[in-house]
Amino acid sequence: MKHFFKVNKKKRFVVLDVPLFFENKLNTKKDIIVFIQANKKKINQKLNKRKNINLKLINILRKNQFSSKLKKKKSTYIIKNNFVRNTAKKNVKLILKKISE
C-alpha cells in the first residue's frame, strides 16, 4: 500500500476499494470516505452469480467487518447502491464535484 501511495502521491484523487478499511485502521483524518450502502439480499444474489466466488473468504471478511451503522457514522458520504449503473455513476459524479470545489 505504501508503494501505491508513493507512486500516486501527485494525483489529485486516489480511489481505493478496500475490504475491512476501517477495521485495519487504514483511514486518516484527511481521508474522504464514501460508504456504499446496499441491500444484503442483492449483494448475496450478485455474489452467487460470480464464477470464482470464495464463500469461505467472504464469510471471514463479513465476520470481521464493523457494522454498517458504524461505517456510515465514520464516512464522509453515503451512496445508496440500488444496482442501477446510471444512479451510482450520477452519485459518484456529485461527490467528485463536491470534493473538487
N, C-alpha and C. Protein backbone atom coordinates (compact mmCIF):
# COMPACT_ATOMS: atom_id res chain seq x y z
N MET A 1 0.84 -1.18 0.00
CA MET A 1 0.00 0.00 0.00
C MET A 1 0.88 1.24 0.00
N LYS A 2 1.95 1.23 0.76
CA LYS A 2 2.85 2.39 0.81
C LYS A 2 3.40 2.70 -0.58
N HIS A 3 3.75 1.65 -1.30
CA HIS A 3 4.27 1.83 -2.66
C HIS A 3 3.21 2.48 -3.56
N PHE A 4 1.99 2.03 -3.44
CA PHE A 4 0.89 2.59 -4.24
C PHE A 4 0.75 4.09 -3.98
N PHE A 5 0.77 4.49 -2.71
CA PHE A 5 0.65 5.91 -2.37
C PHE A 5 1.86 6.70 -2.85
N LYS A 6 3.02 6.12 -2.76
CA LYS A 6 4.23 6.80 -3.22
C LYS A 6 4.16 7.07 -4.72
N VAL A 7 3.74 6.08 -5.46
CA VAL A 7 3.64 6.20 -6.92
C VAL A 7 2.56 7.21 -7.31
N ASN A 8 1.51 7.31 -6.53
CA ASN A 8 0.36 8.16 -6.86
C ASN A 8 0.26 9.44 -6.03
N LYS A 9 1.34 9.83 -5.37
CA LYS A 9 1.26 10.96 -4.44
C LYS A 9 0.94 12.29 -5.11
N LYS A 10 1.20 12.43 -6.40
CA LYS A 10 0.91 13.68 -7.09
C LYS A 10 -0.49 13.72 -7.70
N LYS A 11 -1.20 12.63 -7.57
CA LYS A 11 -2.58 12.56 -8.09
C LYS A 11 -3.50 13.40 -7.22
N ARG A 12 -4.48 13.99 -7.85
CA ARG A 12 -5.44 14.80 -7.10
C ARG A 12 -6.35 13.93 -6.24
N PHE A 13 -6.77 12.80 -6.81
CA PHE A 13 -7.62 11.85 -6.10
C PHE A 13 -7.03 10.46 -6.26
N VAL A 14 -7.18 9.67 -5.23
CA VAL A 14 -6.84 8.25 -5.29
C VAL A 14 -8.04 7.52 -4.72
N VAL A 15 -8.56 6.57 -5.48
CA VAL A 15 -9.74 5.82 -5.05
C VAL A 15 -9.31 4.40 -4.69
N LEU A 16 -9.72 3.98 -3.51
CA LEU A 16 -9.40 2.63 -3.04
C LEU A 16 -10.69 1.89 -2.71
N ASP A 17 -10.75 0.65 -3.07
CA ASP A 17 -11.85 -0.23 -2.67
C ASP A 17 -11.22 -1.29 -1.80
N VAL A 18 -11.30 -1.08 -0.49
CA VAL A 18 -10.54 -1.92 0.44
C VAL A 18 -11.47 -2.63 1.41
N PRO A 19 -11.50 -3.97 1.36
CA PRO A 19 -12.26 -4.69 2.38
C PRO A 19 -11.62 -4.42 3.75
N LEU A 20 -12.45 -4.25 4.74
CA LEU A 20 -12.00 -4.04 6.11
C LEU A 20 -11.12 -2.79 6.26
N PHE A 21 -11.49 -1.74 5.54
CA PHE A 21 -10.75 -0.48 5.55
C PHE A 21 -10.65 0.10 6.96
N PHE A 22 -11.79 0.28 7.62
CA PHE A 22 -11.80 0.82 8.98
C PHE A 22 -11.20 -0.18 9.97
N GLU A 23 -11.54 -1.42 9.77
CA GLU A 23 -11.12 -2.47 10.69
C GLU A 23 -9.60 -2.58 10.76
N ASN A 24 -8.93 -2.29 9.64
CA ASN A 24 -7.47 -2.34 9.59
C ASN A 24 -6.82 -0.98 9.85
N LYS A 25 -7.64 -0.03 10.28
CA LYS A 25 -7.18 1.32 10.64
C LYS A 25 -6.36 1.97 9.53
N LEU A 26 -6.90 1.89 8.31
CA LEU A 26 -6.23 2.49 7.16
C LEU A 26 -6.65 3.95 6.94
N ASN A 27 -7.69 4.38 7.63
CA ASN A 27 -8.19 5.73 7.43
C ASN A 27 -7.39 6.76 8.24
N THR A 28 -7.31 7.96 7.66
CA THR A 28 -6.69 9.08 8.35
C THR A 28 -7.71 10.21 8.40
N LYS A 29 -7.40 11.24 9.16
CA LYS A 29 -8.33 12.36 9.29
C LYS A 29 -8.51 13.11 7.97
N LYS A 30 -7.53 13.04 7.09
CA LYS A 30 -7.60 13.75 5.81
C LYS A 30 -8.43 12.99 4.76
N ASP A 31 -8.72 11.74 5.01
CA ASP A 31 -9.43 10.92 4.02
C ASP A 31 -10.87 11.36 3.85
N ILE A 32 -11.33 11.22 2.64
CA ILE A 32 -12.75 11.39 2.34
C ILE A 32 -13.27 9.98 2.09
N ILE A 33 -14.15 9.53 2.96
CA ILE A 33 -14.64 8.16 2.91
C ILE A 33 -16.05 8.15 2.33
N VAL A 34 -16.23 7.29 1.33
CA VAL A 34 -17.56 7.12 0.72
C VAL A 34 -18.01 5.70 1.06
N PHE A 35 -19.11 5.61 1.76
CA PHE A 35 -19.69 4.31 2.11
C PHE A 35 -20.76 3.97 1.10
N ILE A 36 -20.67 2.79 0.52
CA ILE A 36 -21.67 2.33 -0.43
C ILE A 36 -22.62 1.40 0.32
N GLN A 37 -23.85 1.88 0.47
CA GLN A 37 -24.86 1.12 1.20
C GLN A 37 -25.68 0.32 0.19
N ALA A 38 -25.84 -0.97 0.46
CA ALA A 38 -26.61 -1.82 -0.45
C ALA A 38 -27.40 -2.85 0.34
N ASN A 39 -28.46 -3.31 -0.26
CA ASN A 39 -29.31 -4.33 0.31
C ASN A 39 -28.54 -5.65 0.38
N LYS A 40 -28.50 -6.26 1.57
CA LYS A 40 -27.74 -7.50 1.76
C LYS A 40 -28.21 -8.63 0.84
N LYS A 41 -29.53 -8.70 0.63
CA LYS A 41 -30.07 -9.75 -0.25
C LYS A 41 -29.52 -9.60 -1.67
N LYS A 42 -29.50 -8.35 -2.15
CA LYS A 42 -29.00 -8.07 -3.51
C LYS A 42 -27.50 -8.38 -3.60
N ILE A 43 -26.77 -8.03 -2.55
CA ILE A 43 -25.34 -8.33 -2.54
C ILE A 43 -25.11 -9.83 -2.66
N ASN A 44 -25.85 -10.60 -1.86
CA ASN A 44 -25.71 -12.06 -1.91
C ASN A 44 -26.08 -12.62 -3.28
N GLN A 45 -27.12 -12.08 -3.91
CA GLN A 45 -27.50 -12.52 -5.24
C GLN A 45 -26.37 -12.27 -6.24
N LYS A 46 -25.78 -11.08 -6.17
CA LYS A 46 -24.67 -10.74 -7.07
C LYS A 46 -23.46 -11.64 -6.82
N LEU A 47 -23.14 -11.87 -5.55
CA LEU A 47 -22.00 -12.73 -5.22
C LEU A 47 -22.21 -14.15 -5.73
N ASN A 48 -23.41 -14.67 -5.59
CA ASN A 48 -23.69 -16.04 -6.02
C ASN A 48 -23.62 -16.21 -7.53
N LYS A 49 -23.75 -15.14 -8.28
CA LYS A 49 -23.67 -15.20 -9.74
C LYS A 49 -22.22 -15.24 -10.25
N ARG A 50 -21.27 -14.87 -9.39
CA ARG A 50 -19.86 -14.87 -9.79
C ARG A 50 -19.36 -16.29 -9.95
N LYS A 51 -18.49 -16.47 -10.92
CA LYS A 51 -17.97 -17.82 -11.21
C LYS A 51 -16.97 -18.30 -10.18
N ASN A 52 -16.00 -17.48 -9.84
CA ASN A 52 -14.92 -17.90 -8.94
C ASN A 52 -15.09 -17.34 -7.53
N ILE A 53 -16.26 -17.46 -7.00
CA ILE A 53 -16.53 -16.89 -5.68
C ILE A 53 -15.98 -17.81 -4.59
N ASN A 54 -15.32 -17.23 -3.61
CA ASN A 54 -14.77 -17.97 -2.49
C ASN A 54 -15.63 -17.63 -1.27
N LEU A 55 -16.62 -18.46 -1.01
CA LEU A 55 -17.56 -18.19 0.07
C LEU A 55 -16.90 -18.19 1.45
N LYS A 56 -15.86 -19.00 1.62
CA LYS A 56 -15.14 -19.01 2.90
C LYS A 56 -14.51 -17.65 3.16
N LEU A 57 -13.87 -17.09 2.13
CA LEU A 57 -13.25 -15.78 2.28
C LEU A 57 -14.30 -14.70 2.54
N ILE A 58 -15.41 -14.76 1.83
CA ILE A 58 -16.50 -13.80 2.03
C ILE A 58 -16.99 -13.85 3.48
N ASN A 59 -17.18 -15.05 3.99
CA ASN A 59 -17.65 -15.20 5.37
C ASN A 59 -16.64 -14.70 6.39
N ILE A 60 -15.36 -14.91 6.14
CA ILE A 60 -14.32 -14.41 7.03
C ILE A 60 -14.34 -12.88 7.05
N LEU A 61 -14.44 -12.28 5.86
CA LEU A 61 -14.50 -10.81 5.78
C LEU A 61 -15.71 -10.27 6.51
N ARG A 62 -16.85 -10.90 6.31
CA ARG A 62 -18.08 -10.44 6.96
C ARG A 62 -18.00 -10.52 8.48
N LYS A 63 -17.40 -11.59 8.98
CA LYS A 63 -17.29 -11.75 10.44
C LYS A 63 -16.40 -10.68 11.06
N ASN A 64 -15.45 -10.18 10.29
CA ASN A 64 -14.51 -9.19 10.81
C ASN A 64 -14.93 -7.74 10.54
N GLN A 65 -16.02 -7.55 9.85
CA GLN A 65 -16.46 -6.20 9.50
C GLN A 65 -17.14 -5.49 10.65
N PHE A 66 -16.95 -4.17 10.68
CA PHE A 66 -17.73 -3.32 11.58
C PHE A 66 -19.16 -3.29 11.07
N SER A 67 -20.07 -2.85 11.88
CA SER A 67 -21.46 -2.76 11.45
C SER A 67 -21.62 -1.64 10.42
N SER A 68 -22.64 -1.75 9.60
CA SER A 68 -22.93 -0.72 8.61
C SER A 68 -23.19 0.62 9.29
N LYS A 69 -23.85 0.56 10.43
CA LYS A 69 -24.16 1.78 11.18
C LYS A 69 -22.88 2.53 11.56
N LEU A 70 -21.89 1.80 12.05
CA LEU A 70 -20.63 2.41 12.45
C LEU A 70 -19.88 2.94 11.22
N LYS A 71 -19.88 2.18 10.14
CA LYS A 71 -19.20 2.62 8.92
C LYS A 71 -19.83 3.90 8.37
N LYS A 72 -21.16 3.96 8.41
CA LYS A 72 -21.84 5.17 7.94
C LYS A 72 -21.45 6.37 8.79
N LYS A 73 -21.37 6.14 10.08
CA LYS A 73 -21.02 7.21 11.02
C LYS A 73 -19.61 7.75 10.74
N LYS A 74 -18.69 6.86 10.37
CA LYS A 74 -17.30 7.24 10.11
C LYS A 74 -17.07 7.77 8.69
N SER A 75 -18.07 7.70 7.84
CA SER A 75 -17.92 8.08 6.43
C SER A 75 -18.30 9.53 6.19
N THR A 76 -17.67 10.10 5.17
CA THR A 76 -17.95 11.48 4.78
C THR A 76 -19.21 11.54 3.93
N TYR A 77 -19.37 10.57 3.05
CA TYR A 77 -20.52 10.50 2.14
C TYR A 77 -21.07 9.08 2.13
N ILE A 78 -22.36 8.98 1.83
CA ILE A 78 -23.02 7.68 1.71
C ILE A 78 -23.74 7.63 0.38
N ILE A 79 -23.51 6.56 -0.36
CA ILE A 79 -24.21 6.33 -1.62
C ILE A 79 -25.08 5.10 -1.44
N LYS A 80 -26.35 5.22 -1.77
CA LYS A 80 -27.22 4.05 -1.74
C LYS A 80 -27.12 3.36 -3.09
N ASN A 81 -26.67 2.11 -3.06
CA ASN A 81 -26.49 1.35 -4.28
C ASN A 81 -27.76 0.54 -4.56
N ASN A 82 -28.47 0.92 -5.61
CA ASN A 82 -29.65 0.16 -6.00
C ASN A 82 -29.34 -0.75 -7.19
N PHE A 83 -28.05 -0.89 -7.49
CA PHE A 83 -27.54 -1.74 -8.56
C PHE A 83 -28.01 -1.29 -9.95
N VAL A 84 -28.26 0.00 -10.08
CA VAL A 84 -28.55 0.60 -11.38
C VAL A 84 -27.33 1.47 -11.71
N ARG A 85 -26.66 1.13 -12.80
CA ARG A 85 -25.39 1.77 -13.14
C ARG A 85 -25.48 3.29 -13.19
N ASN A 86 -26.49 3.82 -13.86
CA ASN A 86 -26.59 5.27 -14.02
C ASN A 86 -26.77 6.00 -12.69
N THR A 87 -27.48 5.39 -11.77
CA THR A 87 -27.71 6.01 -10.46
C THR A 87 -26.40 6.12 -9.69
N ALA A 88 -25.66 5.04 -9.63
CA ALA A 88 -24.38 5.05 -8.91
C ALA A 88 -23.42 6.03 -9.57
N LYS A 89 -23.36 6.01 -10.88
CA LYS A 89 -22.47 6.91 -11.63
C LYS A 89 -22.81 8.37 -11.32
N LYS A 90 -24.09 8.68 -11.31
CA LYS A 90 -24.56 10.04 -11.03
C LYS A 90 -24.14 10.47 -9.62
N ASN A 91 -24.32 9.59 -8.65
CA ASN A 91 -23.96 9.89 -7.27
C ASN A 91 -22.46 10.10 -7.10
N VAL A 92 -21.67 9.28 -7.78
CA VAL A 92 -20.21 9.43 -7.72
C VAL A 92 -19.80 10.78 -8.31
N LYS A 93 -20.40 11.15 -9.43
CA LYS A 93 -20.08 12.45 -10.06
C LYS A 93 -20.44 13.61 -9.13
N LEU A 94 -21.56 13.51 -8.42
CA LEU A 94 -21.96 14.56 -7.48
C LEU A 94 -20.93 14.70 -6.35
N ILE A 95 -20.47 13.58 -5.85
CA ILE A 95 -19.48 13.61 -4.77
C ILE A 95 -18.17 14.18 -5.27
N LEU A 96 -17.73 13.75 -6.45
CA LEU A 96 -16.49 14.28 -7.00
C LEU A 96 -16.57 15.80 -7.20
N LYS A 97 -17.75 16.26 -7.62
CA LYS A 97 -17.94 17.70 -7.80
C LYS A 97 -17.81 18.42 -6.45
N LYS A 98 -18.43 17.88 -5.41
CA LYS A 98 -18.34 18.49 -4.07
C LYS A 98 -16.91 18.50 -3.56
N ILE A 99 -16.20 17.42 -3.78
CA ILE A 99 -14.83 17.29 -3.28
C ILE A 99 -13.90 18.27 -3.99
N SER A 100 -14.10 18.45 -5.27
CA SER A 100 -13.17 19.27 -6.05
C SER A 100 -13.46 20.78 -5.95
N GLU A 101 -14.52 21.16 -5.27
CA GLU A 101 -14.85 22.59 -5.12
C GLU A 101 -13.92 23.29 -4.18
